[in-house]
Amino acid sequence: THGGQLCIPFYGALVTNCGIDRARVKGLHRHDSAY
């Protein structure tokens, strides 16, 4: 995802370049039972 690569401060990524949502474009999150 490159974390969105070009982001807006206090807003975050505009795109993810795949099916993942913007909120999980980088970092540690959950997906169902997994980290």
All heavy atoms as atom14 arrays in JSON, in Angstrom:
{
  "sequence": "THGGQLCIPFYGALVTNCGIDRARVKGLHRHDSAY",
  "atom14_mask": [
    [1, 1, 1, 1, 1, 1, 1, 0, 0, 0, 0, 0, 0, 0],
    [1, 1, 1, 1, 1, 1, 1, 1, 1, 1, 0, 0, 0, 0],
    [1, 1, 1, 1, 0, 0, 0, 0, 0, 0, 0, 0, 0, 0],
    [1, 1, 1, 1, 0, 0, 0, 0, 0, 0, 0, 0, 0, 0],
    [1, 1, 1, 1, 1, 1, 1, 1, 1, 0, 0, 0, 0, 0],
    [1, 1, 1, 1, 1, 1, 1, 1, 0, 0, 0, 0, 0, 0],
    [1, 1, 1, 1, 1, 1, 0, 0, 0, 0, 0, 0, 0, 0],
    [1, 1, 1, 1, 1, 1, 1, 1, 0, 0, 0, 0, 0, 0],
    [1, 1, 1, 1, 1, 1, 1, 0, 0, 0, 0, 0, 0, 0],
    [1, 1, 1, 1, 1, 1, 1, 1, 1, 1, 1, 0, 0, 0],
    [1, 1, 1, 1, 1, 1, 1, 1, 1, 1, 1, 1, 0, 0],
    [1, 1, 1, 1, 0, 0, 0, 0, 0, 0, 0, 0, 0, 0],
    [1, 1, 1, 1, 1, 0, 0, 0, 0, 0, 0, 0, 0, 0],
    [1, 1, 1, 1, 1, 1, 1, 1, 0, 0, 0, 0, 0, 0],
    [1, 1, 1, 1, 1, 1, 1, 0, 0, 0, 0, 0, 0, 0],
    [1, 1, 1, 1, 1, 1, 1, 0, 0, 0, 0, 0, 0, 0],
    [1, 1, 1, 1, 1, 1, 1, 1, 0, 0, 0, 0, 0, 0],
    [1, 1, 1, 1, 1, 1, 0, 0, 0, 0, 0, 0, 0, 0],
    [1, 1, 1, 1, 0, 0, 0, 0, 0, 0, 0, 0, 0, 0],
    [1, 1, 1, 1, 1, 1, 1, 1, 0, 0, 0, 0, 0, 0],
    [1, 1, 1, 1, 1, 1, 1, 1, 0, 0, 0, 0, 0, 0],
    [1, 1, 1, 1, 1, 1, 1, 1, 1, 1, 1, 0, 0, 0],
    [1, 1, 1, 1, 1, 0, 0, 0, 0, 0, 0, 0, 0, 0],
    [1, 1, 1, 1, 1, 1, 1, 1, 1, 1, 1, 0, 0, 0],
    [1, 1, 1, 1, 1, 1, 1, 0, 0, 0, 0, 0, 0, 0],
    [1, 1, 1, 1, 1, 1, 1, 1, 1, 0, 0, 0, 0, 0],
    [1, 1, 1, 1, 0, 0, 0, 0, 0, 0, 0, 0, 0, 0],
    [1, 1, 1, 1, 1, 1, 1, 1, 0, 0, 0, 0, 0, 0],
    [1, 1, 1, 1, 1, 1, 1, 1, 1, 1, 0, 0, 0, 0],
    [1, 1, 1, 1, 1, 1, 1, 1, 1, 1, 1, 0, 0, 0],
    [1, 1, 1, 1, 1, 1, 1, 1, 1, 1, 0, 0, 0, 0],
    [1, 1, 1, 1, 1, 1, 1, 1, 0, 0, 0, 0, 0, 0],
    [1, 1, 1, 1, 1, 1, 0, 0, 0, 0, 0, 0, 0, 0],
    [1, 1, 1, 1, 1, 0, 0, 0, 0, 0, 0, 0, 0, 0],
    [1, 1, 1, 1, 1, 1, 1, 1, 1, 1, 1, 1, 0, 0]
  ],
  "atom14_positions": [
    [[0.8, -1.22, 0.0], [0.0, 0.0, 0.0], [0.83, 1.27, 0.0], [0.31, 2.34, -0.33], [-0.91, 0.05, 1.23], [-0.09, 0.15, 2.41], [-1.78, -1.19, 1.32], [0.0, 0.0, 0.0], [0.0, 0.0, 0.0], [0.0, 0.0, 0.0], [0.0, 0.0, 0.0], [0.0, 0.0, 0.0], [0.0, 0.0, 0.0], [0.0, 0.0, 0.0]],
    [[2.09, 1.2, 0.4], [2.93, 2.38, 0.62], [2.31, 3.32, 1.65], [2.64, 4.52, 1.68], [3.21, 3.14, -0.68], [4.02, 2.36, -1.67], [4.59, 2.94, -2.78], [4.36, 1.05, -1.73], [5.22, 2.01, -3.49], [5.1, 0.86, -2.86], [0.0, 0.0, 0.0], [0.0, 0.0, 0.0], [0.0, 0.0, 0.0], [0.0, 0.0, 0.0]],
    [[1.39, 2.81, 2.44], [0.71, 3.65, 3.43], [-0.16, 4.73, 2.81], [-0.61, 5.64, 3.49], [0.0, 0.0, 0.0], [0.0, 0.0, 0.0], [0.0, 0.0, 0.0], [0.0, 0.0, 0.0], [0.0, 0.0, 0.0], [0.0, 0.0, 0.0], [0.0, 0.0, 0.0], [0.0, 0.0, 0.0], [0.0, 0.0, 0.0], [0.0, 0.0, 0.0]],
    [[-0.42, 4.6, 1.51], [-1.12, 5.66, 0.78], [-0.17, 6.54, 0.0], [-0.56, 7.18, -0.97], [0.0, 0.0, 0.0], [0.0, 0.0, 0.0], [0.0, 0.0, 0.0], [0.0, 0.0, 0.0], [0.0, 0.0, 0.0], [0.0, 0.0, 0.0], [0.0, 0.0, 0.0], [0.0, 0.0, 0.0], [0.0, 0.0, 0.0], [0.0, 0.0, 0.0]],
    [[1.07, 6.63, 0.46], [2.18, 7.36, -0.17], [1.99, 8.87, -0.15], [2.86, 9.59, 0.34], [2.44, 6.87, -1.6], [3.75, 7.43, -2.17], [4.22, 6.7, -3.41], [3.99, 5.51, -3.6], [4.89, 7.43, -4.29], [0.0, 0.0, 0.0], [0.0, 0.0, 0.0], [0.0, 0.0, 0.0], [0.0, 0.0, 0.0], [0.0, 0.0, 0.0]],
    [[0.89, 9.38, -0.65], [0.57, 10.8, -0.58], [-0.67, 10.95, 0.3], [-1.77, 10.6, -0.11], [0.31, 11.38, -1.97], [1.49, 11.32, -2.94], [1.07, 11.84, -4.31], [2.68, 12.1, -2.42], [0.0, 0.0, 0.0], [0.0, 0.0, 0.0], [0.0, 0.0, 0.0], [0.0, 0.0, 0.0], [0.0, 0.0, 0.0], [0.0, 0.0, 0.0]],
    [[-0.46, 11.42, 1.5], [-1.53, 11.5, 2.49], [-1.82, 12.95, 2.86], [-1.02, 13.85, 2.58], [-1.16, 10.7, 3.74], [-0.87, 8.94, 3.42], [0.0, 0.0, 0.0], [0.0, 0.0, 0.0], [0.0, 0.0, 0.0], [0.0, 0.0, 0.0], [0.0, 0.0, 0.0], [0.0, 0.0, 0.0], [0.0, 0.0, 0.0], [0.0, 0.0, 0.0]],
    [[-2.95, 13.15, 3.46], [-3.35, 14.48, 3.93], [-3.22, 14.5, 5.45], [-3.79, 13.64, 6.13], [-4.79, 14.8, 3.52], [-4.9, 14.84, 2.0], [-5.25, 16.13, 4.12], [-6.3, 15.06, 1.48], [0.0, 0.0, 0.0], [0.0, 0.0, 0.0], [0.0, 0.0, 0.0], [0.0, 0.0, 0.0], [0.0, 0.0, 0.0], [0.0, 0.0, 0.0]],
    [[-2.45, 15.43, 6.0], [-2.31, 15.49, 7.46], [-3.67, 15.56, 8.15], [-4.58, 16.26, 7.71], [-1.5, 16.77, 7.68], [-0.72, 16.95, 6.41], [-1.63, 16.46, 5.32], [0.0, 0.0, 0.0], [0.0, 0.0, 0.0], [0.0, 0.0, 0.0], [0.0, 0.0, 0.0], [0.0, 0.0, 0.0], [0.0, 0.0, 0.0], [0.0, 0.0, 0.0]],
    [[-3.8, 14.78, 9.23], [-5.02, 14.7, 10.05], [-6.19, 14.01, 9.34], [-7.26, 13.89, 9.9], [-5.46, 16.09, 10.55], [-4.36, 16.86, 11.21], [-3.82, 17.98, 10.6], [-3.84, 16.45, 12.43], [-2.8, 18.7, 11.2], [-2.81, 17.16, 13.03], [-2.28, 18.28, 12.42], [0.0, 0.0, 0.0], [0.0, 0.0, 0.0], [0.0, 0.0, 0.0]],
    [[-5.95, 13.56, 8.11], [-6.99, 12.82, 7.39], [-6.49, 11.42, 7.04], [-7.18, 10.43, 7.25], [-7.39, 13.56, 6.11], [-8.41, 12.81, 5.27], [-9.76, 12.82, 5.62], [-8.01, 12.08, 4.14], [-10.69, 12.11, 4.85], [-8.93, 11.38, 3.38], [-10.28, 11.4, 3.74], [-11.19, 10.7, 2.99], [0.0, 0.0, 0.0], [0.0, 0.0, 0.0]],
    [[-5.26, 11.36, 6.52], [-4.68, 10.07, 6.19], [-4.63, 9.8, 4.71], [-4.65, 10.71, 3.88], [0.0, 0.0, 0.0], [0.0, 0.0, 0.0], [0.0, 0.0, 0.0], [0.0, 0.0, 0.0], [0.0, 0.0, 0.0], [0.0, 0.0, 0.0], [0.0, 0.0, 0.0], [0.0, 0.0, 0.0], [0.0, 0.0, 0.0], [0.0, 0.0, 0.0]],
    [[-4.59, 8.51, 4.37], [-4.43, 8.09, 2.99], [-5.69, 8.4, 2.17], [-6.81, 8.3, 2.66], [-4.14, 6.59, 2.93], [0.0, 0.0, 0.0], [0.0, 0.0, 0.0], [0.0, 0.0, 0.0], [0.0, 0.0, 0.0], [0.0, 0.0, 0.0], [0.0, 0.0, 0.0], [0.0, 0.0, 0.0], [0.0, 0.0, 0.0], [0.0, 0.0, 0.0]],
    [[-5.45, 8.75, 0.92], [-6.56, 8.92, -0.02], [-6.93, 7.6, -0.67], [-8.1, 7.37, -0.97], [-6.17, 9.94, -1.09], [-5.89, 11.37, -0.61], [-5.34, 12.2, -1.75], [-7.15, 11.99, -0.05], [0.0, 0.0, 0.0], [0.0, 0.0, 0.0], [0.0, 0.0, 0.0], [0.0, 0.0, 0.0], [0.0, 0.0, 0.0], [0.0, 0.0, 0.0]],
    [[-5.94, 6.74, -0.89], [-6.16, 5.47, -1.58], [-5.29, 4.4, -0.92], [-4.33, 4.7, -0.21], [-5.8, 5.57, -3.08], [-6.74, 6.53, -3.79], [-4.35, 6.0, -3.27], [0.0, 0.0, 0.0], [0.0, 0.0, 0.0], [0.0, 0.0, 0.0], [0.0, 0.0, 0.0], [0.0, 0.0, 0.0], [0.0, 0.0, 0.0], [0.0, 0.0, 0.0]],
    [[-5.62, 3.13, -1.2], [-4.82, 2.01, -0.7], [-4.24, 1.16, -1.83], [-3.39, 0.33, -1.58], [-5.67, 1.11, 0.21], [-6.68, 0.46, -0.57], [-6.32, 1.9, 1.33], [0.0, 0.0, 0.0], [0.0, 0.0, 0.0], [0.0, 0.0, 0.0], [0.0, 0.0, 0.0], [0.0, 0.0, 0.0], [0.0, 0.0, 0.0], [0.0, 0.0, 0.0]],
    [[-4.71, 1.34, -3.04], [-4.27, 0.59, -4.23], [-4.55, -0.91, -4.11], [-3.88, -1.74, -4.71], [-2.78, 0.83, -4.5], [-2.39, 0.42, -5.92], [-3.22, 0.43, -6.83], [-1.14, 0.04, -6.1], [0.0, 0.0, 0.0], [0.0, 0.0, 0.0], [0.0, 0.0, 0.0], [0.0, 0.0, 0.0], [0.0, 0.0, 0.0], [0.0, 0.0, 0.0]],
    [[-5.53, -1.27, -3.29], [-5.97, -2.65, -3.19], [-7.31, -2.64, -2.45], [-7.91, -1.57, -2.24], [-4.95, -3.53, -2.46], [-4.68, -3.1, -0.74], [0.0, 0.0, 0.0], [0.0, 0.0, 0.0], [0.0, 0.0, 0.0], [0.0, 0.0, 0.0], [0.0, 0.0, 0.0], [0.0, 0.0, 0.0], [0.0, 0.0, 0.0], [0.0, 0.0, 0.0]],
    [[-7.79, -3.79, -2.02], [-9.12, -3.86, -1.42], [-9.2, -3.49, 0.05], [-10.3, -3.38, 0.58], [0.0, 0.0, 0.0], [0.0, 0.0, 0.0], [0.0, 0.0, 0.0], [0.0, 0.0, 0.0], [0.0, 0.0, 0.0], [0.0, 0.0, 0.0], [0.0, 0.0, 0.0], [0.0, 0.0, 0.0], [0.0, 0.0, 0.0], [0.0, 0.0, 0.0]],
    [[-8.06, -3.29, 0.7], [-8.09, -2.96, 2.13], [-8.65, -1.55, 2.31], [-8.5, -0.68, 1.44], [-6.67, -3.07, 2.74], [-6.72, -3.18, 4.27], [-5.8, -1.9, 2.35], [-7.16, -4.51, 4.75], [0.0, 0.0, 0.0], [0.0, 0.0, 0.0], [0.0, 0.0, 0.0], [0.0, 0.0, 0.0], [0.0, 0.0, 0.0], [0.0, 0.0, 0.0]],
    [[-9.31, -1.3, 3.43], [-9.88, 0.03, 3.69], [-8.8, 1.01, 4.11], [-7.71, 0.63, 4.56], [-10.94, -0.08, 4.8], [-10.42, -0.82, 6.02], [-10.31, -2.07, 5.95], [-10.11, -0.17, 7.02], [0.0, 0.0, 0.0], [0.0, 0.0, 0.0], [0.0, 0.0, 0.0], [0.0, 0.0, 0.0], [0.0, 0.0, 0.0], [0.0, 0.0, 0.0]],
    [[-9.09, 2.29, 3.97], [-8.1, 3.34, 4.27], [-7.65, 3.31, 5.73], [-6.5, 3.63, 6.03], [-8.66, 4.72, 3.95], [-8.82, 5.02, 2.47], [-9.13, 6.51, 2.25], [-10.19, 6.99, 3.1], [-10.02, 7.73, 4.19], [-8.81, 8.07, 4.6], [-11.06, 8.13, 4.89], [0.0, 0.0, 0.0], [0.0, 0.0, 0.0], [0.0, 0.0, 0.0]],
    [[-8.54, 2.93, 6.64], [-8.19, 2.94, 8.06], [-7.08, 1.94, 8.38], [-6.38, 2.09, 9.38], [-9.43, 2.64, 8.9], [0.0, 0.0, 0.0], [0.0, 0.0, 0.0], [0.0, 0.0, 0.0], [0.0, 0.0, 0.0], [0.0, 0.0, 0.0], [0.0, 0.0, 0.0], [0.0, 0.0, 0.0], [0.0, 0.0, 0.0], [0.0, 0.0, 0.0]],
    [[-6.91, 0.93, 7.53], [-5.89, -0.09, 7.78], [-4.81, -0.08, 6.71], [-4.19, -1.11, 6.45], [-6.55, -1.47, 7.88], [-7.51, -1.59, 9.06], [-8.05, -3.01, 9.2], [-8.87, -3.4, 8.05], [-9.26, -4.64, 7.8], [-8.9, -5.63, 8.61], [-10.01, -4.9, 6.75], [0.0, 0.0, 0.0], [0.0, 0.0, 0.0], [0.0, 0.0, 0.0]],
    [[-4.56, 1.07, 6.13], [-3.59, 1.17, 5.05], [-2.17, 0.93, 5.55], [-1.27, 0.58, 4.77], [-3.71, 2.54, 4.35], [-3.21, 3.68, 5.24], [-3.01, 2.54, 3.0], [0.0, 0.0, 0.0], [0.0, 0.0, 0.0], [0.0, 0.0, 0.0], [0.0, 0.0, 0.0], [0.0, 0.0, 0.0], [0.0, 0.0, 0.0], [0.0, 0.0, 0.0]],
    [[-1.92, 1.09, 6.83], [-0.62, 0.78, 7.43], [-0.81, 0.56, 8.92], [-1.83, 0.94, 9.5], [0.39, 1.91, 7.19], [0.03, 3.22, 7.86], [1.09, 4.28, 7.59], [0.72, 5.6, 8.25], [1.74, 6.64, 7.98], [0.0, 0.0, 0.0], [0.0, 0.0, 0.0], [0.0, 0.0, 0.0], [0.0, 0.0, 0.0], [0.0, 0.0, 0.0]],
    [[0.17, -0.08, 9.54], [0.16, -0.27, 10.98], [-0.47, -1.59, 11.41], [-0.73, -2.47, 10.6], [0.0, 0.0, 0.0], [0.0, 0.0, 0.0], [0.0, 0.0, 0.0], [0.0, 0.0, 0.0], [0.0, 0.0, 0.0], [0.0, 0.0, 0.0], [0.0, 0.0, 0.0], [0.0, 0.0, 0.0], [0.0, 0.0, 0.0], [0.0, 0.0, 0.0]],
    [[-0.7, -1.7, 12.71], [-1.2, -2.93, 13.32], [-2.7, -2.81, 13.57], [-3.15, -1.86, 14.21], [-0.46, -3.2, 14.62], [-0.81, -4.51, 15.33], [-0.34, -5.71, 14.51], [-0.19, -4.54, 16.72], [0.0, 0.0, 0.0], [0.0, 0.0, 0.0], [0.0, 0.0, 0.0], [0.0, 0.0, 0.0], [0.0, 0.0, 0.0], [0.0, 0.0, 0.0]],
    [[-3.45, -3.77, 13.07], [-4.9, -3.77, 13.21], [-5.36, -5.21, 13.42], [-4.57, -6.13, 13.57], [-5.56, -3.16, 11.96], [-5.11, -1.76, 11.68], [-5.65, -0.66, 12.31], [-4.14, -1.29, 10.84], [-5.05, 0.43, 11.87], [-4.15, 0.09, 10.98], [0.0, 0.0, 0.0], [0.0, 0.0, 0.0], [0.0, 0.0, 0.0], [0.0, 0.0, 0.0]],
    [[-6.67, -5.43, 13.4], [-7.24, -6.77, 13.46], [-7.95, -7.08, 12.15], [-8.46, -6.18, 11.48], [-8.25, -6.88, 14.62], [-7.67, -6.68, 16.0], [-6.57, -7.67, 16.32], [-7.02, -9.06, 16.33], [-7.37, -9.72, 17.43], [-7.36, -9.12, 18.61], [-7.74, -10.99, 17.37], [0.0, 0.0, 0.0], [0.0, 0.0, 0.0], [0.0, 0.0, 0.0]],
    [[-7.95, -8.37, 11.81], [-8.81, -8.87, 10.73], [-9.41, -10.16, 11.24], [-8.72, -11.17, 11.36], [-8.04, -9.09, 9.43], [-8.95, -9.42, 8.29], [-9.48, -8.44, 7.47], [-9.49, -10.59, 7.86], [-10.27, -9.0, 6.57], [-10.31, -10.31, 6.79], [0.0, 0.0, 0.0], [0.0, 0.0, 0.0], [0.0, 0.0, 0.0], [0.0, 0.0, 0.0]],
    [[-10.69, -10.1, 11.53], [-11.37, -11.23, 12.16], [-10.61, -11.63, 13.42], [-10.36, -10.79, 14.26], [-11.53, -12.39, 11.16], [-12.39, -12.01, 9.96], [-13.19, -11.06, 10.08], [-12.28, -12.66, 8.91], [0.0, 0.0, 0.0], [0.0, 0.0, 0.0], [0.0, 0.0, 0.0], [0.0, 0.0, 0.0], [0.0, 0.0, 0.0], [0.0, 0.0, 0.0]],
    [[-10.19, -12.89, 13.52], [-9.5, -13.35, 14.73], [-8.01, -13.09, 14.72], [-7.32, -13.37, 15.71], [-9.74, -14.86, 14.9], [-9.24, -15.58, 13.78], [0.0, 0.0, 0.0], [0.0, 0.0, 0.0], [0.0, 0.0, 0.0], [0.0, 0.0, 0.0], [0.0, 0.0, 0.0], [0.0, 0.0, 0.0], [0.0, 0.0, 0.0], [0.0, 0.0, 0.0]],
    [[-7.47, -12.57, 13.63], [-6.02, -12.41, 13.48], [-5.59, -10.96, 13.66], [-6.36, -10.02, 13.45], [-5.6, -12.9, 12.1], [0.0, 0.0, 0.0], [0.0, 0.0, 0.0], [0.0, 0.0, 0.0], [0.0, 0.0, 0.0], [0.0, 0.0, 0.0], [0.0, 0.0, 0.0], [0.0, 0.0, 0.0], [0.0, 0.0, 0.0], [0.0, 0.0, 0.0]],
    [[-4.33, -10.79, 14.03], [-3.69, -9.49, 13.96], [-3.15, -9.31, 12.53], [-2.67, -10.26, 11.91], [-2.53, -9.37, 14.95], [-2.99, -9.12, 16.36], [-3.23, -10.18, 17.23], [-3.21, -7.83, 16.82], [-3.66, -9.96, 18.53], [-3.65, -7.6, 18.12], [-3.87, -8.66, 18.98], [-4.31, -8.44, 20.25], [0.0, 0.0, 0.0], [0.0, 0.0, 0.0]]
  ]
}
